[in-house]
Amino acid sequence: MDSLNRGFAAVQPATGRDFAGNEKEQGPDVRTVNRQSPGNRVRELQVTGTAEVCCPADRASVRVSVGSIKESVTEVTSSVSRRLEYILQSLRQHGISETDASVRRFLSREEDLYRMDAEVVVTFSDFEKMEQLCSVLLEKLDKSVCVGTPQFYHSAECLGQLRKRVCVSAVENAQQKAREISQLLGQSLGNPVLVREDETREWRNEDVENGGRGHSALPTITASSRVSVYFSLKDRSRKKF
């Protein structure tokens, strides 16, 4: 029976390299593997590559509220409705879809008076439009309206794209290293045999100094991925017939 022979060549780069778009590549662990089985000799290059991708928040929600206290339900409803209608009209004028806004009204009684509170929660993907709308409401309605602090977050679509980007970037980094290593060893890089994602991590980076306001203070999420890729190797010295 033929024995199983394996040869390993490990190469560790001194430092990693930074990539555009907040993508970082770290030095992968590289091995060449010669596996001999009956009637078949397999030559492989195993590369472990990593990458990091940072993505800012792509959504923000703002809570706009108005309230009034009157002696009758009719009066309090009319008072709140006028301001509420102005808020909804401003949303339409700024191109905000009805599906991106929700309205809630609350009526209560305090002794002989009636109190009504109404709130509109608006979701924005255009932060400049959000700032313009908030400024208009504060200017026109003054103290009769309360505009909350924007709450920034990442949509499900954004997170899905982030996870794909970081995995693809890690594979690309591993492939580039594999090309360099195969050239160093005098081999030709063949097709990938196996691609495996070994580890994924995500962490949030919150900027609390400015209260989350302004484009420079957008919270971000950083995702990292580590993959192992196996490539077949071709000996350049072999003659082709």
C-alpha atoms as a PDB file:
ATOM      1  CA  MET A   1       0.000   0.000   0.000  1.00  0.00           C
ATOM      2  CA  ASP A   2       1.332   3.421  -0.897  1.00  0.00           C
ATOM      3  CA  SER A   3       2.066   5.686   2.051  1.00  0.00           C
ATOM      4  CA  LEU A   4       0.596   9.199   2.417  1.00  0.00           C
ATOM      5  CA  ASN A   5       3.321  11.823   1.948  1.00  0.00           C
ATOM      6  CA  ARG A   6       2.783  15.477   2.836  1.00  0.00           C
ATOM      7  CA  GLY A   7       5.143  18.420   2.412  1.00  0.00           C
ATOM      8  CA  PHE A   8       4.485  21.815   4.004  1.00  0.00           C
ATOM      9  CA  ALA A   9       5.990  25.205   3.182  1.00  0.00           C
ATOM     10  CA  ALA A  10       4.853  28.023   5.475  1.00  0.00           C
ATOM     11  CA  VAL A  11       5.268  31.689   4.546  1.00  0.00           C
ATOM     12  CA  GLN A  12       4.283  34.545   6.868  1.00  0.00           C
ATOM     13  CA  PRO A  13       4.372  38.144   5.542  1.00  0.00           C
ATOM     14  CA  ALA A  14       5.853  40.759   7.838  1.00  0.00           C
ATOM     15  CA  THR A  15       2.871  43.106   7.778  1.00  0.00           C
ATOM     16  CA  GLY A  16      -0.654  43.371   6.456  1.00  0.00           C
ATOM     17  CA  ARG A  17      -1.852  45.773   3.785  1.00  0.00           C
ATOM     18  CA  ASP A  18      -4.660  48.303   3.886  1.00  0.00           C
ATOM     19  CA  PHE A  19      -7.260  48.387   1.152  1.00  0.00           C
ATOM     20  CA  ALA A  20      -9.528  51.209  -0.056  1.00  0.00           C
ATOM     21  CA  GLY A  21     -13.047  51.374   1.298  1.00  0.00           C
ATOM     22  CA  ASN A  22     -11.997  50.566   4.880  1.00  0.00           C
ATOM     23  CA  GLU A  23     -11.057  47.023   3.878  1.00  0.00           C
ATOM     24  CA  LYS A  24      -7.998  45.568   5.582  1.00  0.00           C
ATOM     25  CA  GLU A  25      -6.081  42.463   4.658  1.00  0.00           C
ATOM     26  CA  GLN A  26      -3.938  40.647   7.182  1.00  0.00           C
ATOM     27  CA  GLY A  27      -1.145  38.215   6.325  1.00  0.00           C
ATOM     28  CA  PRO A  28      -2.630  34.791   5.555  1.00  0.00           C
ATOM     29  CA  ASP A  29      -1.175  31.450   6.617  1.00  0.00           C
ATOM     30  CA  VAL A  30       0.034  29.697   3.475  1.00  0.00           C
ATOM     31  CA  ARG A  31       0.863  26.009   3.055  1.00  0.00           C
ATOM     32  CA  THR A  32       1.646  23.811   0.098  1.00  0.00           C
ATOM     33  CA  VAL A  33       0.367  20.291   0.458  1.00  0.00           C
ATOM     34  CA  ASN A  34       1.488  17.245  -1.544  1.00  0.00           C
ATOM     35  CA  ARG A  35      -0.835  14.313  -1.031  1.00  0.00           C
ATOM     36  CA  GLN A  36      -0.077  10.993  -2.679  1.00  0.00           C
ATOM     37  CA  SER A  37      -2.736   8.329  -2.984  1.00  0.00           C
ATOM     38  CA  PRO A  38      -2.794   5.161  -5.111  1.00  0.00           C
ATOM     39  CA  GLY A  39      -2.623   6.219  -8.730  1.00  0.00           C
ATOM     40  CA  ASN A  40      -3.170   9.887  -7.949  1.00  0.00           C
ATOM     41  CA  ARG A  41      -0.923  12.734  -6.790  1.00  0.00           C
ATOM     42  CA  VAL A  42      -2.630  15.878  -5.503  1.00  0.00           C
ATOM     43  CA  ARG A  43      -0.824  19.194  -5.193  1.00  0.00           C
ATOM     44  CA  GLU A  44      -2.635  21.947  -3.294  1.00  0.00           C
ATOM     45  CA  LEU A  45      -2.016  25.390  -1.899  1.00  0.00           C
ATOM     46  CA  GLN A  46      -4.001  26.316   1.211  1.00  0.00           C
ATOM     47  CA  VAL A  47      -4.407  30.038   1.934  1.00  0.00           C
ATOM     48  CA  THR A  48      -6.087  31.678   4.919  1.00  0.00           C
ATOM     49  CA  GLY A  49      -7.148  35.247   4.157  1.00  0.00           C
ATOM     50  CA  THR A  50      -8.899  37.891   6.245  1.00  0.00           C
ATOM     51  CA  ALA A  51     -10.652  41.189   5.588  1.00  0.00           C
ATOM     52  CA  GLU A  52     -12.500  43.945   7.430  1.00  0.00           C
ATOM     53  CA  VAL A  53     -15.196  46.209   5.967  1.00  0.00           C
ATOM     54  CA  CYS A  54     -16.727  49.217   7.724  1.00  0.00           C
ATOM     55  CA  CYS A  55     -20.209  50.500   6.845  1.00  0.00           C
ATOM     56  CA  PRO A  56     -21.998  53.637   8.171  1.00  0.00           C
ATOM     57  CA  ALA A  57     -25.664  53.604   9.168  1.00  0.00           C
ATOM     58  CA  ASP A  58     -28.036  53.918   6.206  1.00  0.00           C
ATOM     59  CA  ARG A  59     -31.286  54.634   8.074  1.00  0.00           C
ATOM     60  CA  ALA A  60     -32.517  57.058  10.728  1.00  0.00           C
ATOM     61  CA  SER A  61     -35.807  57.401  12.574  1.00  0.00           C
ATOM     62  CA  VAL A  62     -37.095  60.682  13.989  1.00  0.00           C
ATOM     63  CA  ARG A  63     -39.989  61.063  16.425  1.00  0.00           C
ATOM     64  CA  VAL A  64     -42.076  64.249  16.001  1.00  0.00           C
ATOM     65  CA  SER A  65     -44.703  64.889  18.689  1.00  0.00           C
ATOM     66  CA  VAL A  66     -47.384  67.500  19.421  1.00  0.00           C
ATOM     67  CA  GLY A  67     -49.822  67.833  22.306  1.00  0.00           C
ATOM     68  CA  SER A  68     -52.643  69.959  23.688  1.00  0.00           C
ATOM     69  CA  ILE A  69     -54.904  70.292  26.727  1.00  0.00           C
ATOM     70  CA  LYS A  70     -58.426  71.702  26.290  1.00  0.00           C
ATOM     71  CA  GLU A  71     -61.804  71.712  28.041  1.00  0.00           C
ATOM     72  CA  SER A  72     -63.514  69.558  25.413  1.00  0.00           C
ATOM     73  CA  VAL A  73     -62.613  66.650  23.137  1.00  0.00           C
ATOM     74  CA  THR A  74     -63.542  68.684  20.078  1.00  0.00           C
ATOM     75  CA  GLU A  75     -61.207  71.534  20.989  1.00  0.00           C
ATOM     76  CA  VAL A  76     -58.236  69.348  21.855  1.00  0.00           C
ATOM     77  CA  THR A  77     -58.720  67.221  18.740  1.00  0.00           C
ATOM     78  CA  SER A  78     -58.890  70.297  16.501  1.00  0.00           C
ATOM     79  CA  SER A  79     -55.775  71.822  18.087  1.00  0.00           C
ATOM     80  CA  VAL A  80     -53.673  68.691  17.587  1.00  0.00           C
ATOM     81  CA  SER A  81     -55.096  67.863  14.150  1.00  0.00           C
ATOM     82  CA  ARG A  82     -54.091  71.224  12.664  1.00  0.00           C
ATOM     83  CA  ARG A  83     -50.444  70.764  13.605  1.00  0.00           C
ATOM     84  CA  LEU A  84     -50.483  67.090  12.729  1.00  0.00           C
ATOM     85  CA  GLU A  85     -51.798  67.882   9.258  1.00  0.00           C
ATOM     86  CA  TYR A  86     -49.030  70.453   8.764  1.00  0.00           C
ATOM     87  CA  ILE A  87     -46.427  67.836   9.735  1.00  0.00           C
ATOM     88  CA  LEU A  88     -47.851  65.268   7.290  1.00  0.00           C
ATOM     89  CA  GLN A  89     -48.078  67.890   4.552  1.00  0.00           C
ATOM     90  CA  SER A  90     -44.410  68.780   5.097  1.00  0.00           C
ATOM     91  CA  LEU A  91     -43.503  65.116   4.776  1.00  0.00           C
ATOM     92  CA  ARG A  92     -45.255  64.890   1.419  1.00  0.00           C
ATOM     93  CA  GLN A  93     -43.602  68.090   0.193  1.00  0.00           C
ATOM     94  CA  HIS A  94     -40.189  66.596   1.016  1.00  0.00           C
ATOM     95  CA  GLY A  95     -40.970  63.406  -0.879  1.00  0.00           C
ATOM     96  CA  ILE A  96     -41.435  61.172   2.174  1.00  0.00           C
ATOM     97  CA  SER A  97     -43.590  58.139   1.392  1.00  0.00           C
ATOM     98  CA  GLU A  98     -46.559  57.278   3.602  1.00  0.00           C
ATOM     99  CA  THR A  99     -45.007  53.865   4.196  1.00  0.00           C
ATOM    100  CA  ASP A 100     -42.036  55.571   5.875  1.00  0.00           C
ATOM    101  CA  ALA A 101     -44.193  57.364   8.466  1.00  0.00           C
ATOM    102  CA  SER A 102     -46.464  56.083  11.223  1.00  0.00           C
ATOM    103  CA  VAL A 103     -48.962  58.203  13.193  1.00  0.00           C
ATOM    104  CA  ARG A 104     -50.329  57.549  16.677  1.00  0.00           C
ATOM    105  CA  ARG A 105     -52.808  59.567  18.762  1.00  0.00           C
ATOM    106  CA  PHE A 106     -53.439  59.343  22.496  1.00  0.00           C
ATOM    107  CA  LEU A 107     -56.450  60.893  24.275  1.00  0.00           C
ATOM    108  CA  SER A 108     -56.657  61.070  28.066  1.00  0.00           C
ATOM    109  CA  ARG A 109     -58.543  62.999  30.743  1.00  0.00           C
ATOM    110  CA  GLU A 110     -56.957  65.034  33.509  1.00  0.00           C
ATOM    111  CA  GLU A 111     -59.639  66.052  36.003  1.00  0.00           C
ATOM    112  CA  ASP A 112     -61.956  68.401  34.042  1.00  0.00           C
ATOM    113  CA  LEU A 113     -59.611  68.749  31.042  1.00  0.00           C
ATOM    114  CA  TYR A 114     -58.842  66.577  28.026  1.00  0.00           C
ATOM    115  CA  ARG A 115     -55.310  65.910  26.844  1.00  0.00           C
ATOM    116  CA  MET A 116     -54.332  64.667  23.397  1.00  0.00           C
ATOM    117  CA  ASP A 117     -50.840  63.708  22.290  1.00  0.00           C
ATOM    118  CA  ALA A 118     -49.874  62.700  18.763  1.00  0.00           C
ATOM    119  CA  GLU A 119     -46.565  61.424  17.425  1.00  0.00           C
ATOM    120  CA  VAL A 120     -45.215  60.782  13.980  1.00  0.00           C
ATOM    121  CA  VAL A 121     -42.264  58.426  13.576  1.00  0.00           C
ATOM    122  CA  VAL A 122     -40.479  58.976  10.267  1.00  0.00           C
ATOM    123  CA  THR A 123     -37.840  56.721   8.714  1.00  0.00           C
ATOM    124  CA  PHE A 124     -35.220  58.410   6.517  1.00  0.00           C
ATOM    125  CA  SER A 125     -32.634  57.072   4.112  1.00  0.00           C
ATOM    126  CA  ASP A 126     -31.689  60.580   2.924  1.00  0.00           C
ATOM    127  CA  PHE A 127     -30.110  62.326   5.908  1.00  0.00           C
ATOM    128  CA  GLU A 128     -29.912  65.739   4.234  1.00  0.00           C
ATOM    129  CA  LYS A 129     -33.642  65.607   3.603  1.00  0.00           C
ATOM    130  CA  MET A 130     -34.117  64.653   7.257  1.00  0.00           C
ATOM    131  CA  GLU A 131     -32.180  67.721   8.437  1.00  0.00           C
ATOM    132  CA  GLN A 132     -34.156  70.008   6.130  1.00  0.00           C
ATOM    133  CA  LEU A 133     -37.511  68.685   7.327  1.00  0.00           C
ATOM    134  CA  CYS A 134     -36.592  68.938  11.008  1.00  0.00           C
ATOM    135  CA  SER A 135     -35.480  72.540  10.512  1.00  0.00           C
ATOM    136  CA  VAL A 136     -38.751  73.453   8.758  1.00  0.00           C
ATOM    137  CA  LEU A 137     -40.896  71.932  11.517  1.00  0.00           C
ATOM    138  CA  LEU A 138     -38.962  73.641  14.301  1.00  0.00           C
ATOM    139  CA  GLU A 139     -39.088  76.969  12.478  1.00  0.00           C
ATOM    140  CA  LYS A 140     -42.800  76.907  11.633  1.00  0.00           C
ATOM    141  CA  LEU A 141     -44.250  75.200  14.709  1.00  0.00           C
ATOM    142  CA  ASP A 142     -41.698  76.515  17.200  1.00  0.00           C
ATOM    143  CA  LYS A 143     -42.404  75.370  20.787  1.00  0.00           C
ATOM    144  CA  SER A 144     -45.655  73.640  19.855  1.00  0.00           C
ATOM    145  CA  VAL A 145     -43.720  70.705  18.371  1.00  0.00           C
ATOM    146  CA  CYS A 146     -41.045  68.418  19.757  1.00  0.00           C
ATOM    147  CA  VAL A 147     -38.549  66.957  17.289  1.00  0.00           C
ATOM    148  CA  GLY A 148     -36.544  64.112  18.753  1.00  0.00           C
ATOM    149  CA  THR A 149     -32.900  63.239  18.197  1.00  0.00           C
ATOM    150  CA  PRO A 150     -32.372  61.041  15.088  1.00  0.00           C
ATOM    151  CA  GLN A 151     -31.779  57.386  15.875  1.00  0.00           C
ATOM    152  CA  PHE A 152     -29.389  55.950  13.306  1.00  0.00           C
ATOM    153  CA  TYR A 153     -29.336  52.268  12.454  1.00  0.00           C
ATOM    154  CA  HIS A 154     -28.486  49.751   9.730  1.00  0.00           C
ATOM    155  CA  SER A 155     -31.208  48.229   7.578  1.00  0.00           C
ATOM    156  CA  ALA A 156     -31.366  44.486   6.965  1.00  0.00           C
ATOM    157  CA  GLU A 157     -30.388  45.073   3.313  1.00  0.00           C
ATOM    158  CA  CYS A 158     -27.331  47.059   4.369  1.00  0.00           C
ATOM    159  CA  LEU A 159     -26.163  44.354   6.791  1.00  0.00           C
ATOM    160  CA  GLY A 160     -26.672  41.667   4.155  1.00  0.00           C
ATOM    161  CA  GLN A 161     -24.548  43.550   1.626  1.00  0.00           C
ATOM    162  CA  LEU A 162     -21.883  44.205   4.280  1.00  0.00           C
ATOM    163  CA  ARG A 163     -21.551  40.493   5.089  1.00  0.00           C
ATOM    164  CA  LYS A 164     -21.277  39.609   1.404  1.00  0.00           C
ATOM    165  CA  ARG A 165     -18.653  42.307   0.756  1.00  0.00           C
ATOM    166  CA  VAL A 166     -16.394  41.267   3.626  1.00  0.00           C
ATOM    167  CA  CYS A 167     -16.514  37.572   2.667  1.00  0.00           C
ATOM    168  CA  VAL A 168     -15.778  38.321  -1.003  1.00  0.00           C
ATOM    169  CA  SER A 169     -12.961  40.664   0.015  1.00  0.00           C
ATOM    170  CA  ALA A 170     -11.386  37.980   2.221  1.00  0.00           C
ATOM    171  CA  VAL A 171     -11.507  35.491  -0.669  1.00  0.00           C
ATOM    172  CA  GLU A 172      -9.987  38.047  -3.063  1.00  0.00           C
ATOM    173  CA  ASN A 173      -7.176  38.756  -0.592  1.00  0.00           C
ATOM    174  CA  ALA A 174      -6.514  35.041  -0.215  1.00  0.00           C
ATOM    175  CA  GLN A 175      -6.454  34.572  -4.001  1.00  0.00           C
ATOM    176  CA  GLN A 176      -3.950  37.401  -4.448  1.00  0.00           C
ATOM    177  CA  LYS A 177      -1.663  35.898  -1.823  1.00  0.00           C
ATOM    178  CA  ALA A 178      -2.002  32.491  -3.415  1.00  0.00           C
ATOM    179  CA  ARG A 179      -0.837  33.926  -6.761  1.00  0.00           C
ATOM    180  CA  GLU A 180       2.215  35.497  -5.136  1.00  0.00           C
ATOM    181  CA  ILE A 181       3.109  32.327  -3.224  1.00  0.00           C
ATOM    182  CA  SER A 182       2.691  30.075  -6.266  1.00  0.00           C
ATOM    183  CA  GLN A 183       4.996  32.354  -8.278  1.00  0.00           C
ATOM    184  CA  LEU A 184       7.552  32.272  -5.470  1.00  0.00           C
ATOM    185  CA  LEU A 185       7.472  28.463  -5.486  1.00  0.00           C
ATOM    186  CA  GLY A 186       7.704  28.264  -9.268  1.00  0.00           C
ATOM    187  CA  GLN A 187       4.205  26.858  -9.643  1.00  0.00           C
ATOM    188  CA  SER A 188       1.120  27.847 -11.620  1.00  0.00           C
ATOM    189  CA  LEU A 189      -2.043  28.470  -9.620  1.00  0.00           C
ATOM    190  CA  GLY A 190      -4.919  26.239 -10.648  1.00  0.00           C
ATOM    191  CA  ASN A 191      -8.626  26.299  -9.907  1.00  0.00           C
ATOM    192  CA  PRO A 192      -9.975  26.636  -6.362  1.00  0.00           C
ATOM    193  CA  VAL A 193     -10.793  23.272  -4.805  1.00  0.00           C
ATOM    194  CA  LEU A 194     -12.559  24.451  -1.646  1.00  0.00           C
ATOM    195  CA  VAL A 195     -13.617  27.780  -0.104  1.00  0.00           C
ATOM    196  CA  ARG A 196     -14.576  27.794   3.572  1.00  0.00           C
ATOM    197  CA  GLU A 197     -15.510  30.739   5.799  1.00  0.00           C
ATOM    198  CA  ASP A 198     -13.916  29.959   9.157  1.00  0.00           C
ATOM    199  CA  GLU A 199     -14.899  32.981  11.237  1.00  0.00           C
ATOM    200  CA  THR A 200     -17.105  36.076  11.043  1.00  0.00           C
ATOM    201  CA  ARG A 201     -17.367  38.949  13.525  1.00  0.00           C
ATOM    202  CA  GLU A 202     -19.357  42.185  13.711  1.00  0.00           C
ATOM    203  CA  TRP A 203     -19.076  45.112  16.114  1.00  0.00           C
ATOM    204  CA  ARG A 204     -20.630  48.553  16.372  1.00  0.00           C
ATOM    205  CA  ASN A 205     -18.712  51.801  16.630  1.00  0.00           C
ATOM    206  CA  GLU A 206     -20.860  54.436  18.301  1.00  0.00           C
ATOM    207  CA  ASP A 207     -19.865  58.107  18.277  1.00  0.00           C
ATOM    208  CA  VAL A 208     -21.431  59.598  21.414  1.00  0.00           C
ATOM    209  CA  GLU A 209     -19.491  62.841  21.632  1.00  0.00           C
ATOM    210  CA  ASN A 210     -21.833  64.762  19.332  1.00  0.00           C
ATOM    211  CA  GLY A 211     -25.007  63.009  20.383  1.00  0.00           C
ATOM    212  CA  GLY A 212     -25.176  61.149  17.068  1.00  0.00           C
ATOM    213  CA  ARG A 213     -25.759  64.313  15.027  1.00  0.00           C
ATOM    214  CA  GLY A 214     -24.040  65.173  11.764  1.00  0.00           C
ATOM    215  CA  HIS A 215     -22.680  62.986   9.005  1.00  0.00           C
ATOM    216  CA  SER A 216     -19.249  62.726  10.643  1.00  0.00           C
ATOM    217  CA  ALA A 217     -20.858  61.207  13.756  1.00  0.00           C
ATOM    218  CA  LEU A 218     -22.746  58.390  12.035  1.00  0.00           C
ATOM    219  CA  PRO A 219     -22.461  55.098  13.905  1.00  0.00           C
ATOM    220  CA  THR A 220     -20.811  52.341  11.907  1.00  0.00           C
ATOM    221  CA  ILE A 221     -20.643  48.569  11.906  1.00  0.00           C
ATOM    222  CA  THR A 222     -17.405  46.766  11.140  1.00  0.00           C
ATOM    223  CA  ALA A 223     -17.504  43.187   9.884  1.00  0.00           C
ATOM    224  CA  SER A 224     -14.538  40.836   9.642  1.00  0.00           C
ATOM    225  CA  SER A 225     -14.208  37.521   7.875  1.00  0.00           C
ATOM    226  CA  ARG A 226     -11.550  34.805   7.809  1.00  0.00           C
ATOM    227  CA  VAL A 227     -11.653  32.241   5.019  1.00  0.00           C
ATOM    228  CA  SER A 228      -9.627  29.221   3.993  1.00  0.00           C
ATOM    229  CA  VAL A 229      -9.194  28.633   0.272  1.00  0.00           C
ATOM    230  CA  TYR A 230      -7.622  25.555  -1.318  1.00  0.00           C
ATOM    231  CA  PHE A 231      -6.144  25.849  -4.807  1.00  0.00           C
ATOM    232  CA  SER A 232      -4.722  23.160  -7.055  1.00  0.00           C
ATOM    233  CA  LEU A 233      -1.122  23.662  -8.178  1.00  0.00           C
ATOM    234  CA  LYS A 234       0.413  23.054 -11.602  1.00  0.00           C
ATOM    235  CA  ASP A 235       4.137  22.524 -12.076  1.00  0.00           C
ATOM    236  CA  ARG A 236       5.481  25.014 -14.646  1.00  0.00           C
ATOM    237  CA  SER A 237       8.382  22.706 -15.510  1.00  0.00           C
ATOM    238  CA  ARG A 238       6.126  19.937 -16.812  1.00  0.00           C
ATOM    239  CA  LYS A 239       6.075  19.738 -20.578  1.00  0.00           C
ATOM    240  CA  LYS A 240       2.800  19.874 -22.406  1.00  0.00           C
ATOM    241  CA  PHE A 241       2.167  17.296 -25.107  1.00  0.00           C
END
